[in-house]
Amino acid sequence: MTRGYSINGEYGKGPEFAGKALLLVSNEKTRQAVQAMIVALKAGKDINL
């Protein structure tokens, strides 16, 4: 969902779903990647680049 919203330019909707994903991650590397996505989306940047 997060990537889909990002590709459509709806950056404000992505962090909600990324936050839910953050609760489910199983390792630190993935946690950091999801956190970086949230920061980028909140800054209005596409995470699909």
Protein backbone atom coordinates (compact mmCIF):
# COMPACT_ATOMS: atom_id res chain seq x y z
CA MET A 1 0.00 0.00 0.00
CA THR A 2 2.76 2.39 0.97
CA ARG A 3 4.61 2.03 -2.32
CA GLY A 4 1.37 2.29 -4.27
CA TYR A 5 0.45 5.57 -2.65
CA SER A 6 3.97 6.84 -3.22
CA ILE A 7 3.97 5.99 -6.91
CA ASN A 8 0.69 7.90 -7.29
CA GLY A 9 2.15 10.93 -5.52
CA GLU A 10 -0.05 10.49 -2.43
CA TYR A 11 2.84 10.70 0.03
CA GLY A 12 0.70 11.68 3.00
CA LYS A 13 -1.19 8.38 2.99
CA GLY A 14 1.86 6.10 2.92
CA PRO A 15 3.21 6.64 6.44
CA GLU A 16 0.02 5.23 7.97
CA PHE A 17 0.57 1.87 6.30
CA ALA A 18 4.34 1.93 6.77
CA GLY A 19 3.77 2.48 10.49
CA LYS A 20 1.62 -0.64 10.59
CA ALA A 21 4.34 -2.56 8.76
CA LEU A 22 6.88 -1.31 11.26
CA LEU A 23 5.05 -3.22 13.99
CA LEU A 24 5.53 -6.47 12.06
CA VAL A 25 9.20 -6.35 11.03
CA SER A 26 11.40 -9.18 12.21
CA ASN A 27 14.88 -7.68 12.02
CA GLU A 28 16.72 -4.40 12.49
CA LYS A 29 17.72 -3.95 8.85
CA THR A 30 14.09 -4.08 7.73
CA ARG A 31 13.05 -1.79 10.60
CA GLN A 32 15.57 0.81 9.46
CA ALA A 33 14.38 0.55 5.84
CA VAL A 34 10.74 1.08 6.83
CA GLN A 35 11.67 4.00 9.09
CA ALA A 36 13.59 5.58 6.19
CA MET A 37 10.49 5.20 4.00
CA ILE A 38 8.37 6.96 6.59
CA VAL A 39 10.82 9.87 6.83
CA ALA A 40 10.98 10.21 3.03
CA LEU A 41 7.21 10.13 2.64
CA LYS A 42 6.70 12.73 5.34
CA ALA A 43 9.18 14.91 3.47
CA GLY A 44 7.09 14.51 0.29
CA LYS A 45 9.56 12.25 -1.52
CA ASP A 46 8.85 9.21 -3.68
CA ILE A 47 10.17 6.01 -2.11
CA ASN A 48 10.09 4.04 -5.36
CA LEU A 49 13.21 5.58 -6.90
